[in-house]
Amino acid sequence: MNNVKLLPVKRKDILEAHGIFFSPGTLRRWHCQGINPEIFTKIGGLLFINKNKWDQLVAKKTQAALKRTKKIQELG
């Protein structure tokens, strides 16, 4: 069974304890603007981040950055 961990966006201390160092305001703006919608869940009017989806997003973005760095090094 997949264990889903939801972190409340309004609690900066909880976000930071789980390695998310963006402010609650930034995360709410991302949600409103549709940026990375897969990481957000809204329950009863409260906004949460799905920690599993967050970790997947970070891994994906890190891989993309590493590929770009490698390509730049090959060119230069």
N, C-alpha and C. Protein backbone atom coordinates (compact mmCIF):
# COMPACT_ATOMS: atom_id res chain seq x y z
N MET A 1 0.84 -1.19 0.00
CA MET A 1 0.00 0.00 0.00
C MET A 1 0.88 1.25 0.00
N ASN A 2 0.51 2.22 -0.80
CA ASN A 2 1.27 3.45 -0.93
C ASN A 2 0.94 4.38 0.24
N ASN A 3 1.96 4.76 1.01
CA ASN A 3 1.77 5.62 2.17
C ASN A 3 1.94 7.07 1.74
N VAL A 4 0.85 7.83 1.75
CA VAL A 4 0.87 9.22 1.32
C VAL A 4 1.10 10.11 2.54
N LYS A 5 2.05 11.02 2.42
CA LYS A 5 2.34 11.95 3.51
C LYS A 5 2.00 13.35 3.02
N LEU A 6 1.00 13.97 3.65
CA LEU A 6 0.57 15.31 3.28
C LEU A 6 1.08 16.30 4.31
N LEU A 7 1.71 17.37 3.83
CA LEU A 7 2.26 18.41 4.70
C LEU A 7 1.46 19.69 4.52
N PRO A 8 0.97 20.30 5.60
CA PRO A 8 0.19 21.54 5.46
C PRO A 8 1.08 22.69 5.00
N VAL A 9 0.66 23.36 3.94
CA VAL A 9 1.44 24.46 3.37
C VAL A 9 1.56 25.62 4.36
N LYS A 10 0.56 25.82 5.20
CA LYS A 10 0.59 26.97 6.11
C LYS A 10 1.60 26.83 7.25
N ARG A 11 2.16 25.64 7.45
CA ARG A 11 3.10 25.40 8.55
C ARG A 11 4.53 25.37 8.05
N LYS A 12 5.19 26.53 8.06
CA LYS A 12 6.56 26.65 7.56
C LYS A 12 7.52 25.74 8.33
N ASP A 13 7.32 25.60 9.63
CA ASP A 13 8.20 24.76 10.44
C ASP A 13 8.14 23.29 10.00
N ILE A 14 6.96 22.81 9.68
CA ILE A 14 6.80 21.42 9.22
C ILE A 14 7.42 21.26 7.84
N LEU A 15 7.19 22.23 6.96
CA LEU A 15 7.77 22.17 5.62
C LEU A 15 9.30 22.10 5.71
N GLU A 16 9.89 22.98 6.51
CA GLU A 16 11.35 23.01 6.63
C GLU A 16 11.89 21.73 7.26
N ALA A 17 11.17 21.16 8.20
CA ALA A 17 11.59 19.90 8.83
C ALA A 17 11.64 18.76 7.82
N HIS A 18 10.87 18.90 6.73
CA HIS A 18 10.83 17.87 5.68
C HIS A 18 11.62 18.29 4.44
N GLY A 19 12.45 19.32 4.57
CA GLY A 19 13.33 19.70 3.47
C GLY A 19 12.71 20.58 2.40
N ILE A 20 11.59 21.23 2.71
CA ILE A 20 10.94 22.13 1.76
C ILE A 20 11.17 23.55 2.26
N PHE A 21 12.07 24.28 1.59
CA PHE A 21 12.49 25.59 2.08
C PHE A 21 11.90 26.75 1.27
N PHE A 22 10.68 26.57 0.79
CA PHE A 22 9.94 27.65 0.14
C PHE A 22 8.92 28.17 1.14
N SER A 23 8.62 29.46 1.06
CA SER A 23 7.66 30.04 1.99
C SER A 23 6.25 29.56 1.63
N PRO A 24 5.35 29.54 2.63
CA PRO A 24 3.97 29.17 2.35
C PRO A 24 3.34 30.06 1.27
N GLY A 25 3.70 31.35 1.25
CA GLY A 25 3.17 32.25 0.23
C GLY A 25 3.59 31.85 -1.17
N THR A 26 4.84 31.46 -1.32
CA THR A 26 5.34 31.01 -2.63
C THR A 26 4.60 29.76 -3.07
N LEU A 27 4.42 28.82 -2.16
CA LEU A 27 3.74 27.57 -2.50
C LEU A 27 2.27 27.82 -2.85
N ARG A 28 1.61 28.72 -2.12
CA ARG A 28 0.22 29.05 -2.45
C ARG A 28 0.13 29.70 -3.83
N ARG A 29 1.11 30.56 -4.14
CA ARG A 29 1.13 31.20 -5.47
C ARG A 29 1.31 30.15 -6.56
N TRP A 30 2.23 29.20 -6.34
CA TRP A 30 2.42 28.12 -7.32
C TRP A 30 1.10 27.39 -7.54
N HIS A 31 0.39 27.09 -6.46
CA HIS A 31 -0.88 26.37 -6.58
C HIS A 31 -1.88 27.19 -7.40
N CYS A 32 -2.01 28.47 -7.09
CA CYS A 32 -2.96 29.34 -7.80
C CYS A 32 -2.60 29.50 -9.27
N GLN A 33 -1.30 29.51 -9.58
CA GLN A 33 -0.85 29.69 -10.96
C GLN A 33 -0.73 28.37 -11.72
N GLY A 34 -1.01 27.26 -11.05
CA GLY A 34 -0.95 25.95 -11.72
C GLY A 34 0.46 25.45 -11.95
N ILE A 35 1.42 25.92 -11.16
CA ILE A 35 2.81 25.47 -11.29
C ILE A 35 2.97 24.18 -10.49
N ASN A 36 3.42 23.13 -11.15
CA ASN A 36 3.59 21.81 -10.52
C ASN A 36 2.34 21.36 -9.77
N PRO A 37 1.19 21.30 -10.44
CA PRO A 37 -0.06 20.98 -9.75
C PRO A 37 -0.08 19.58 -9.12
N GLU A 38 0.77 18.69 -9.61
CA GLU A 38 0.76 17.32 -9.10
C GLU A 38 1.20 17.21 -7.64
N ILE A 39 1.87 18.23 -7.11
CA ILE A 39 2.36 18.13 -5.73
C ILE A 39 1.34 18.63 -4.71
N PHE A 40 0.27 19.28 -5.17
CA PHE A 40 -0.69 19.89 -4.25
C PHE A 40 -1.97 19.08 -4.12
N THR A 41 -2.53 19.12 -2.90
CA THR A 41 -3.83 18.53 -2.62
C THR A 41 -4.58 19.51 -1.72
N LYS A 42 -5.84 19.72 -2.02
CA LYS A 42 -6.64 20.61 -1.20
C LYS A 42 -7.74 19.78 -0.53
N ILE A 43 -7.79 19.87 0.80
CA ILE A 43 -8.78 19.12 1.57
C ILE A 43 -9.46 20.09 2.53
N GLY A 44 -10.77 20.19 2.41
CA GLY A 44 -11.53 21.06 3.31
C GLY A 44 -11.05 22.49 3.32
N GLY A 45 -10.62 23.00 2.19
CA GLY A 45 -10.16 24.37 2.09
C GLY A 45 -8.71 24.58 2.51
N LEU A 46 -8.04 23.53 2.99
CA LEU A 46 -6.63 23.63 3.38
C LEU A 46 -5.75 23.05 2.29
N LEU A 47 -4.62 23.69 2.06
CA LEU A 47 -3.70 23.27 1.01
C LEU A 47 -2.57 22.44 1.62
N PHE A 48 -2.29 21.31 1.00
CA PHE A 48 -1.24 20.40 1.45
C PHE A 48 -0.30 20.09 0.30
N ILE A 49 0.93 19.71 0.65
CA ILE A 49 1.89 19.19 -0.33
C ILE A 49 2.01 17.70 -0.10
N ASN A 50 1.93 16.94 -1.19
CA ASN A 50 2.16 15.50 -1.14
C ASN A 50 3.68 15.30 -1.14
N LYS A 51 4.23 14.85 -0.02
CA LYS A 51 5.69 14.73 0.12
C LYS A 51 6.27 13.75 -0.89
N ASN A 52 5.58 12.67 -1.18
CA ASN A 52 6.07 11.70 -2.17
C ASN A 52 6.20 12.34 -3.54
N LYS A 53 5.18 13.10 -3.93
CA LYS A 53 5.20 13.79 -5.23
C LYS A 53 6.28 14.88 -5.24
N TRP A 54 6.48 15.55 -4.11
CA TRP A 54 7.53 16.57 -4.00
C TRP A 54 8.89 15.94 -4.25
N ASP A 55 9.14 14.81 -3.59
CA ASP A 55 10.43 14.13 -3.75
C ASP A 55 10.66 13.70 -5.21
N GLN A 56 9.60 13.22 -5.87
CA GLN A 56 9.71 12.84 -7.28
C GLN A 56 10.03 14.05 -8.14
N LEU A 57 9.38 15.18 -7.87
CA LEU A 57 9.62 16.40 -8.63
C LEU A 57 11.06 16.88 -8.45
N VAL A 58 11.55 16.87 -7.22
CA VAL A 58 12.92 17.30 -6.95
C VAL A 58 13.92 16.40 -7.67
N ALA A 59 13.69 15.09 -7.65
CA ALA A 59 14.58 14.15 -8.33
C ALA A 59 14.59 14.41 -9.84
N LYS A 60 13.40 14.65 -10.40
CA LYS A 60 13.28 14.92 -11.84
C LYS A 60 14.01 16.20 -12.22
N LYS A 61 13.81 17.26 -11.44
CA LYS A 61 14.46 18.55 -11.73
C LYS A 61 15.98 18.45 -11.55
N THR A 62 16.43 17.68 -10.56
CA THR A 62 17.86 17.50 -10.33
C THR A 62 18.50 16.77 -11.51
N GLN A 63 17.84 15.72 -12.00
CA GLN A 63 18.34 14.97 -13.16
C GLN A 63 18.45 15.88 -14.38
N ALA A 64 17.43 16.70 -14.60
CA ALA A 64 17.44 17.61 -15.74
C ALA A 64 18.60 18.61 -15.63
N ALA A 65 18.84 19.12 -14.43
CA ALA A 65 19.94 20.07 -14.23
C ALA A 65 21.28 19.40 -14.46
N LEU A 66 21.43 18.17 -14.02
CA LEU A 66 22.68 17.43 -14.23
C LEU A 66 22.93 17.19 -15.72
N LYS A 67 21.87 16.87 -16.46
CA LYS A 67 22.00 16.66 -17.90
C LYS A 67 22.44 17.95 -18.59
N ARG A 68 21.82 19.08 -18.19
CA ARG A 68 22.20 20.37 -18.78
C ARG A 68 23.65 20.70 -18.47
N THR A 69 24.07 20.46 -17.25
CA THR A 69 25.45 20.74 -16.85
C THR A 69 26.43 19.90 -17.66
N LYS A 70 26.11 18.63 -17.82
CA LYS A 70 26.98 17.73 -18.59
C LYS A 70 27.08 18.19 -20.04
N LYS A 71 25.95 18.59 -20.60
CA LYS A 71 25.93 19.05 -22.00
C LYS A 71 26.76 20.32 -22.16
N ILE A 72 26.64 21.24 -21.22
CA ILE A 72 27.42 22.48 -21.27
C ILE A 72 28.91 22.18 -21.16
N GLN A 73 29.28 21.27 -20.29
CA GLN A 73 30.69 20.90 -20.13
C GLN A 73 31.24 20.26 -21.40
N GLU A 74 30.42 19.47 -22.08
CA GLU A 74 30.85 18.84 -23.33
C GLU A 74 31.06 19.88 -24.43
N LEU A 75 30.24 20.92 -24.43
CA LEU A 75 30.35 21.97 -25.45
C LEU A 75 31.51 22.92 -25.19
N GLY A 76 31.83 23.14 -23.93
CA GLY A 76 32.81 24.15 -23.60
C GLY A 76 34.12 23.58 -23.26
